[in-house]
Amino acid sequence: MSLSKSELRATLVVSLIFSMRLLGLFILLPVFSLYASEYNHSSAFLAGVAIGSYSLAQAIMQIPMGYLSDKFGRKKIVIFGLILFSTGSLICFYANQINILILGRVIQGLGAISSVGIATLSENTSEENRASAFTIMGIAVGGSFFIGFLAGPYFASLYSFKSLFILLLAFGIIATFITFLYYPNDLRQSKKVSKISFKYNNKLVQIYLGSFFLSLILSIMLYVFPLIWRDLGTLNEDLFSTYLKIFLPAAIIIYPSIRFFEKIKKVNIAINLGWFFLIVAFLAYILLPSNIYSFYSLGILFFLGSSVFQSLLPSLLSLNVSSDLRATGNGPFYIMNFLGHAVGSMFAGAIYMKDFYFGFDKNFLICIICILLIALWVSIGLPKYSIKENSQ
């Protein structure tokens, strides 16, 4: 059953606002650690805190903002959250000291509206069409990751790192106007939302932990990768061109490959390949000499592996949560995702405080730790990808 006109409008508006907010994370992650030294009183760890504080505030505020939207209305709280995000972006733009930058990032993150958007989407779509609506939102989130991933290095090199915060301020203002004019009607009173109790099970725990591990390892990688690029000093190209080269293989190969595996009902092979690519990426960097080949091997293999899970984890979640509880099931997924980003950035910053540990280079140590984290994730596992599970 296709989305009605009102359902499609609600889905597109919420997805647009949702993806604009996530750009606050994705546009900075690929370059932040490279430019952190520009701020007074900065350190490797404080750079990690500045990156991760946004995600930590997001994770903490999801439930409180959801409660406030139940009490005062979805639209009002979304506008309030976007104003906080825009205010934080402005503070970040004017910040010259790392502690002021961290303050701005916290204020950005306090405007956590993900849970509100999920609730709005659930209320404004029928049970039959809810899965399609969340699929569209998932595509929008993936798009924001891709756009932010390339736009961050491009605008930072073309203008300045601080120009990224002007972009975020512009996104926040545009999203505020879109919310004011087009945000879906508040149906908390006029529509009875399912009160069926939501029960956790082993499959959901595996998916939520998968969301945490993926964002944890991704944040560690995105902290370290631009610093390796800088220290290598042999690449006669800007960071945007480098990211484009390592990201394009994943963008071209992964999506059609997953569609192929879905068609032949062998998606679980893709999941195992994702873990394999991630482990081999870090092993290649450890075993190969530190040069352009190990650098590109790390980048290309890592993003091949991580893109598998970026595509499949939301689908796995939708297959293991009934459509009437999709909003409730998505909440912990995004909380764990934000927590992973927070912990990963701060952890990488802490490791980068020293060059050597027990005689080992810091990048070597980070690769070993990431391999151990992936091994732990593999031991926990993920549910089998089966379309039949969607009929619960």
Protein backbone atom coordinates (compact mmCIF):
# COMPACT_ATOMS: atom_id res chain seq x y z
CA MET A 1 0.00 0.00 0.00
CA SER A 2 1.45 3.38 -1.03
CA LEU A 3 1.67 6.39 1.24
CA SER A 4 -1.23 8.83 1.09
CA LYS A 5 -0.54 12.46 0.21
CA SER A 6 -0.65 13.56 3.86
CA GLU A 7 1.53 10.61 4.95
CA LEU A 8 4.10 11.34 2.24
CA ARG A 9 4.22 15.01 3.19
CA ALA A 10 4.69 14.17 6.88
CA THR A 11 7.38 11.64 6.03
CA LEU A 12 9.33 14.00 3.77
CA VAL A 13 9.16 16.92 6.22
CA VAL A 14 10.24 14.85 9.25
CA SER A 15 12.98 13.09 7.23
CA LEU A 16 14.35 16.42 5.98
CA ILE A 17 14.47 17.92 9.49
CA PHE A 18 15.91 14.70 10.93
CA SER A 19 18.71 14.54 8.34
CA MET A 20 19.56 18.24 8.76
CA ARG A 21 20.08 17.66 12.47
CA LEU A 22 22.32 14.66 11.85
CA LEU A 23 24.48 16.79 9.58
CA GLY A 24 25.57 18.44 12.83
CA LEU A 25 27.43 15.22 13.53
CA PHE A 26 28.38 13.95 10.08
CA ILE A 27 29.74 17.17 8.56
CA LEU A 28 32.30 17.61 11.36
CA LEU A 29 33.41 14.03 12.05
CA PRO A 30 35.72 13.62 9.01
CA VAL A 31 37.79 16.77 9.74
CA PHE A 32 37.36 17.83 13.37
CA SER A 33 40.50 16.23 14.78
CA LEU A 34 42.59 17.85 12.04
CA TYR A 35 41.55 21.40 12.97
CA ALA A 36 41.24 21.08 16.75
CA SER A 37 44.74 22.46 17.29
CA GLU A 38 43.55 25.85 15.99
CA TYR A 39 41.71 26.43 19.29
CA ASN A 40 43.38 27.87 22.38
CA HIS A 41 44.09 25.41 25.21
CA SER A 42 43.25 22.49 22.93
CA SER A 43 44.54 18.95 23.34
CA ALA A 44 43.92 15.64 21.59
CA PHE A 45 41.53 14.56 24.35
CA LEU A 46 39.62 17.84 24.43
CA ALA A 47 39.25 17.61 20.66
CA GLY A 48 37.61 14.21 21.22
CA VAL A 49 35.39 15.73 23.91
CA ALA A 50 34.38 18.54 21.53
CA ILE A 51 33.35 15.96 18.93
CA GLY A 52 31.70 13.55 21.33
CA SER A 53 29.91 16.04 23.61
CA TYR A 54 27.33 16.69 20.87
CA SER A 55 26.46 13.00 20.64
CA LEU A 56 26.49 12.54 24.41
CA ALA A 57 24.01 15.41 24.86
CA GLN A 58 21.90 13.90 22.07
CA ALA A 59 21.80 10.52 23.79
CA ILE A 60 20.94 11.98 27.21
CA MET A 61 18.19 14.30 25.95
CA GLN A 62 16.26 11.90 23.67
CA ILE A 63 13.89 10.70 26.41
CA PRO A 64 13.40 14.10 28.15
CA MET A 65 12.64 15.82 24.82
CA GLY A 66 10.21 13.05 23.96
CA TYR A 67 8.46 13.57 27.31
CA LEU A 68 8.30 17.35 26.77
CA SER A 69 6.80 16.82 23.32
CA ASP A 70 4.11 14.61 24.88
CA LYS A 71 3.30 17.41 27.30
CA PHE A 72 3.63 20.54 25.16
CA GLY A 73 3.27 19.28 21.59
CA ARG A 74 5.63 17.88 18.96
CA LYS A 75 5.96 20.99 16.81
CA LYS A 76 6.81 23.33 19.70
CA ILE A 77 9.56 21.03 20.99
CA VAL A 78 11.03 20.48 17.52
CA ILE A 79 11.24 24.27 17.03
CA PHE A 80 12.77 24.62 20.51
CA GLY A 81 15.32 21.91 19.69
CA LEU A 82 16.25 23.55 16.38
CA ILE A 83 16.69 26.92 18.10
CA LEU A 84 19.07 25.28 20.58
CA PHE A 85 20.94 23.66 17.69
CA SER A 86 21.23 26.98 15.82
CA THR A 87 22.34 28.82 18.98
CA GLY A 88 25.01 26.20 19.63
CA SER A 89 26.21 26.49 16.02
CA LEU A 90 26.59 30.26 16.41
CA ILE A 91 28.57 29.83 19.65
CA CYS A 92 30.84 27.30 17.90
CA PHE A 93 31.47 29.72 15.03
CA TYR A 94 32.67 32.49 17.35
CA ALA A 95 34.60 30.17 19.69
CA ASN A 96 38.38 30.59 19.83
CA GLN A 97 38.94 28.47 22.95
CA ILE A 98 38.30 24.75 23.05
CA ASN A 99 36.11 24.99 26.19
CA ILE A 100 33.78 27.48 24.46
CA LEU A 101 33.63 25.17 21.45
CA ILE A 102 32.66 22.28 23.74
CA LEU A 103 29.94 24.46 25.30
CA GLY A 104 28.56 25.23 21.85
CA ARG A 105 28.61 21.54 20.92
CA VAL A 106 26.72 20.60 24.08
CA ILE A 107 24.04 23.22 23.34
CA GLN A 108 23.78 21.88 19.78
CA GLY A 109 23.23 18.39 21.14
CA LEU A 110 20.71 19.43 23.80
CA GLY A 111 18.22 20.12 21.03
CA ALA A 112 17.71 16.38 20.60
CA ILE A 113 14.64 15.87 18.43
CA SER A 114 15.20 12.39 16.99
CA SER A 115 12.73 10.72 19.35
CA VAL A 116 10.16 13.47 18.67
CA GLY A 117 10.51 12.99 14.92
CA ILE A 118 10.09 9.23 15.27
CA ALA A 119 6.94 9.71 17.38
CA THR A 120 5.54 12.21 14.86
CA LEU A 121 6.13 9.84 11.98
CA SER A 122 4.49 6.98 13.85
CA GLU A 123 1.42 9.09 14.63
CA ASN A 124 1.00 10.45 11.11
CA THR A 125 1.19 7.17 9.19
CA SER A 126 -1.10 4.18 9.15
CA GLU A 127 0.11 0.83 10.45
CA GLU A 128 0.21 -0.49 6.87
CA ASN A 129 2.40 2.35 5.61
CA ARG A 130 4.60 2.95 8.65
CA ALA A 131 7.39 0.65 7.46
CA SER A 132 7.60 2.53 4.14
CA ALA A 133 7.76 5.86 5.97
CA PHE A 134 10.63 4.70 8.18
CA THR A 135 12.43 3.33 5.11
CA ILE A 136 12.30 6.80 3.52
CA MET A 137 13.63 8.33 6.74
CA GLY A 138 16.45 5.76 6.76
CA ILE A 139 17.39 6.77 3.21
CA ALA A 140 17.43 10.43 4.31
CA VAL A 141 19.75 9.58 7.21
CA GLY A 142 22.06 7.71 4.83
CA GLY A 143 22.01 10.71 2.52
CA SER A 144 22.96 13.07 5.33
CA PHE A 145 25.90 10.80 6.18
CA PHE A 146 27.12 10.82 2.56
CA ILE A 147 26.60 14.59 2.10
CA GLY A 148 28.19 15.49 5.43
CA PHE A 149 31.08 13.13 4.86
CA LEU A 150 32.08 14.91 1.64
CA ALA A 151 30.84 18.45 2.40
CA GLY A 152 32.87 18.71 5.62
CA PRO A 153 36.32 18.25 4.03
CA TYR A 154 35.30 20.25 0.93
CA PHE A 155 34.11 23.42 2.69
CA ALA A 156 36.79 23.21 5.39
CA SER A 157 39.54 23.19 2.74
CA LEU A 158 37.84 25.70 0.43
CA TYR A 159 36.97 28.26 3.14
CA SER A 160 37.77 27.35 6.74
CA PHE A 161 36.81 24.88 9.42
CA LYS A 162 34.63 27.52 11.08
CA SER A 163 32.63 27.87 7.86
CA LEU A 164 31.08 24.48 8.69
CA PHE A 165 29.31 26.02 11.68
CA ILE A 166 27.82 28.72 9.43
CA LEU A 167 26.49 25.89 7.26
CA LEU A 168 24.99 24.22 10.33
CA LEU A 169 23.47 27.53 11.45
CA ALA A 170 21.89 27.92 7.99
CA PHE A 171 20.56 24.34 8.12
CA GLY A 172 19.10 25.01 11.58
CA ILE A 173 17.35 28.21 10.49
CA ILE A 174 15.96 26.58 7.32
CA ALA A 175 14.76 23.57 9.30
CA THR A 176 13.08 25.88 11.83
CA PHE A 177 11.11 27.64 9.08
CA ILE A 178 10.18 24.32 7.48
CA THR A 179 8.96 23.08 10.87
CA PHE A 180 6.95 26.25 11.50
CA LEU A 181 5.26 26.12 8.09
CA TYR A 182 4.94 22.43 7.25
CA TYR A 183 5.40 20.24 10.34
CA PRO A 184 2.66 17.57 10.54
CA ASN A 185 -0.37 18.11 12.73
CA ASP A 186 -0.07 17.02 16.34
CA LEU A 187 -2.14 13.85 16.62
CA ARG A 188 -1.37 12.96 20.22
CA GLN A 189 -4.99 13.54 21.28
CA SER A 190 -6.88 12.84 18.07
CA LYS A 191 -5.20 9.53 17.29
CA LYS A 192 -4.79 6.65 19.67
CA VAL A 193 -1.25 5.41 19.48
CA SER A 194 -0.69 1.76 20.31
CA LYS A 195 -0.23 1.10 24.01
CA ILE A 196 1.03 -2.43 23.51
CA SER A 197 3.95 -2.99 25.84
CA PHE A 198 7.33 -3.06 24.16
CA LYS A 199 9.40 -6.08 25.11
CA TYR A 200 13.13 -6.37 24.64
CA ASN A 201 14.55 -9.67 23.42
CA ASN A 202 17.95 -11.05 22.48
CA LYS A 203 17.56 -10.03 18.84
CA LEU A 204 16.84 -6.41 19.71
CA VAL A 205 19.73 -6.32 22.19
CA GLN A 206 22.03 -7.60 19.43
CA ILE A 207 20.79 -4.87 17.05
CA TYR A 208 21.13 -2.09 19.64
CA LEU A 209 24.65 -3.25 20.54
CA GLY A 210 25.42 -3.43 16.82
CA SER A 211 24.37 0.22 16.50
CA PHE A 212 26.70 1.08 19.40
CA PHE A 213 29.70 -0.87 18.07
CA LEU A 214 29.33 0.52 14.54
CA SER A 215 29.22 4.16 15.66
CA LEU A 216 31.98 3.52 18.25
CA ILE A 217 34.41 2.13 15.66
CA LEU A 218 33.33 4.68 13.03
CA SER A 219 34.04 7.60 15.38
CA ILE A 220 37.43 6.21 16.36
CA MET A 221 38.29 5.80 12.68
CA LEU A 222 37.11 9.27 11.69
CA TYR A 223 39.15 10.82 14.50
CA VAL A 224 42.31 8.97 13.48
CA PHE A 225 42.04 8.90 9.67
CA PRO A 226 42.63 12.63 8.90
CA LEU A 227 45.55 12.68 11.34
CA ILE A 228 47.17 9.70 9.57
CA TRP A 229 46.61 11.56 6.28
CA ARG A 230 48.34 14.63 7.70
CA ASP A 231 51.27 12.72 9.23
CA LEU A 232 51.84 10.65 6.10
CA GLY A 233 52.59 13.86 4.18
CA THR A 234 53.00 12.07 0.84
CA LEU A 235 49.59 12.74 -0.67
CA ASN A 236 49.55 15.65 -3.10
CA GLU A 237 45.78 16.16 -2.79
CA ASP A 238 43.28 17.70 -0.41
CA LEU A 239 41.34 15.72 2.18
CA PHE A 240 38.11 15.97 0.15
CA SER A 241 39.71 14.15 -2.81
CA THR A 242 41.12 11.53 -0.47
CA TYR A 243 37.74 10.85 1.17
CA LEU A 244 36.09 10.73 -2.24
CA LYS A 245 38.50 8.01 -3.38
CA ILE A 246 38.02 5.84 -0.31
CA PHE A 247 34.26 6.35 -0.05
CA LEU A 248 33.26 5.91 -3.71
CA PRO A 249 33.96 2.14 -3.85
CA ALA A 250 31.59 1.61 -0.93
CA ALA A 251 28.96 3.93 -2.43
CA ILE A 252 29.12 2.14 -5.79
CA ILE A 253 29.47 -1.46 -4.61
CA ILE A 254 27.64 -1.94 -1.31
CA TYR A 255 24.04 -0.89 -2.07
CA PRO A 256 23.58 -2.98 -5.26
CA SER A 257 25.45 -5.88 -3.63
CA ILE A 258 23.08 -5.90 -0.67
CA ARG A 259 20.08 -5.75 -3.02
CA PHE A 260 21.58 -8.76 -4.83
CA PHE A 261 22.05 -10.70 -1.58
CA GLU A 262 18.47 -9.84 -0.60
CA LYS A 263 17.22 -11.17 -3.93
CA ILE A 264 18.97 -14.52 -3.48
CA LYS A 265 18.12 -14.54 0.26
CA LYS A 266 21.76 -14.60 1.37
CA VAL A 267 21.99 -11.30 3.24
CA ASN A 268 23.69 -13.01 6.18
CA ILE A 269 26.68 -13.52 3.88
CA ALA A 270 26.85 -9.72 3.45
CA ILE A 271 26.86 -9.29 7.24
CA ASN A 272 29.82 -11.67 7.58
CA LEU A 273 31.59 -9.91 4.72
CA GLY A 274 31.07 -6.59 6.53
CA TRP A 275 32.85 -7.88 9.63
CA PHE A 276 35.55 -9.42 7.42
CA PHE A 277 36.24 -6.12 5.62
CA LEU A 278 36.49 -4.25 8.93
CA ILE A 279 38.98 -6.69 10.46
CA VAL A 280 41.09 -6.93 7.29
CA ALA A 281 41.18 -3.10 7.06
CA PHE A 282 42.90 -2.78 10.43
CA LEU A 283 45.11 -5.84 9.85
CA ALA A 284 46.27 -4.38 6.53
CA TYR A 285 47.33 -1.16 8.23
CA ILE A 286 49.21 -3.08 10.92
CA LEU A 287 50.96 -5.54 8.60
CA LEU A 288 51.78 -3.27 5.65
CA PRO A 289 54.48 -0.57 5.81
CA SER A 290 53.15 2.87 6.78
CA ASN A 291 52.68 4.37 3.33
CA ILE A 292 50.05 5.37 0.79
CA TYR A 293 49.08 1.73 0.16
CA SER A 294 48.35 0.87 3.78
CA PHE A 295 46.53 4.19 4.13
CA TYR A 296 44.17 3.57 1.22
CA SER A 297 43.76 -0.10 2.16
CA LEU A 298 42.61 0.96 5.61
CA GLY A 299 40.20 3.56 4.24
CA ILE A 300 38.64 1.61 1.36
CA LEU A 301 38.21 -1.67 3.26
CA PHE A 302 36.91 0.10 6.35
CA PHE A 303 34.20 1.96 4.48
CA LEU A 304 33.24 -1.13 2.51
CA GLY A 305 32.65 -2.90 5.83
CA SER A 306 30.98 -0.05 7.70
CA SER A 307 28.66 0.72 4.76
CA VAL A 308 27.28 -2.83 4.95
CA PHE A 309 26.07 -2.18 8.49
CA GLN A 310 24.95 1.40 7.77
CA SER A 311 22.59 -0.17 5.22
CA LEU A 312 21.55 -3.32 7.04
CA LEU A 313 21.15 -2.40 10.73
CA PRO A 314 18.01 -0.23 10.18
CA SER A 315 16.54 -3.00 8.02
CA LEU A 316 17.29 -5.60 10.68
CA LEU A 317 15.57 -3.41 13.24
CA SER A 318 12.46 -3.06 11.07
CA LEU A 319 12.32 -6.85 10.64
CA ASN A 320 12.40 -7.45 14.39
CA VAL A 321 9.97 -4.76 15.60
CA SER A 322 6.29 -4.87 14.68
CA SER A 323 5.09 -1.84 12.71
CA ASP A 324 2.88 -0.50 15.53
CA LEU A 325 5.92 -0.31 17.83
CA ARG A 326 8.41 0.99 15.27
CA ALA A 327 8.76 4.39 16.98
CA THR A 328 9.42 2.78 20.38
CA GLY A 329 11.91 0.35 18.88
CA ASN A 330 13.83 3.07 17.03
CA GLY A 331 14.42 5.16 20.17
CA PRO A 332 17.03 2.90 21.87
CA PHE A 333 18.66 2.27 18.47
CA TYR A 334 19.50 5.96 18.01
CA ILE A 335 20.41 6.45 21.68
CA MET A 336 22.99 3.65 21.40
CA ASN A 337 24.19 5.13 18.10
CA PHE A 338 24.81 8.53 19.69
CA LEU A 339 26.48 6.93 22.72
CA GLY A 340 28.85 5.04 20.45
CA HIS A 341 29.86 8.23 18.66
CA ALA A 342 30.44 10.00 21.99
CA VAL A 343 32.56 7.22 23.51
CA GLY A 344 34.51 6.60 20.29
CA SER A 345 35.55 10.23 19.79
CA MET A 346 36.57 10.73 23.42
CA PHE A 347 38.42 7.40 23.54
CA ALA A 348 40.40 8.18 20.37
CA GLY A 349 41.27 11.61 21.75
CA ALA A 350 42.52 10.05 24.99
CA ILE A 351 44.73 7.57 23.11
CA TYR A 352 46.18 10.40 20.98
CA MET A 353 47.46 12.18 24.09
CA LYS A 354 50.64 10.09 23.77
CA ASP A 355 52.60 8.89 20.73
CA PHE A 356 53.66 5.51 22.14
CA TYR A 357 52.24 2.96 24.59
CA PHE A 358 54.47 0.12 25.82
CA GLY A 359 56.72 0.75 22.83
CA PHE A 360 53.84 0.61 20.33
CA ASP A 361 52.75 3.49 18.09
CA LYS A 362 49.34 4.98 18.99
CA ASN A 363 47.86 4.09 15.58
CA PHE A 364 49.01 0.48 16.00
CA LEU A 365 47.33 0.36 19.42
CA ILE A 366 44.09 1.85 18.07
CA CYS A 367 44.00 -0.75 15.26
CA ILE A 368 44.49 -3.58 17.77
CA ILE A 369 41.73 -2.21 20.01
CA CYS A 370 39.37 -1.87 17.02
CA ILE A 371 40.05 -5.48 15.99
CA LEU A 372 39.23 -6.62 19.54
CA LEU A 373 36.02 -4.54 19.52
CA ILE A 374 34.97 -6.08 16.22
CA ALA A 375 35.76 -9.56 17.56
CA LEU A 376 33.55 -8.83 20.59
CA TRP A 377 30.80 -7.59 18.28
CA VAL A 378 31.06 -10.76 16.16
CA SER A 379 30.84 -12.92 19.32
CA ILE A 380 27.63 -11.09 20.31
CA GLY A 381 26.35 -11.45 16.75
CA LEU A 382 23.34 -10.10 14.90
CA PRO A 383 19.95 -11.71 14.21
CA LYS A 384 19.58 -13.68 11.00
CA TYR A 385 18.21 -11.53 8.21
CA SER A 386 14.87 -13.14 7.39
CA ILE A 387 11.94 -11.37 5.75
CA LYS A 388 9.59 -13.82 7.44
CA GLU A 389 10.34 -12.19 10.79
CA ASN A 390 8.48 -9.10 9.69
CA SER A 391 5.17 -10.79 10.00
CA GLN A 392 5.07 -10.79 13.75
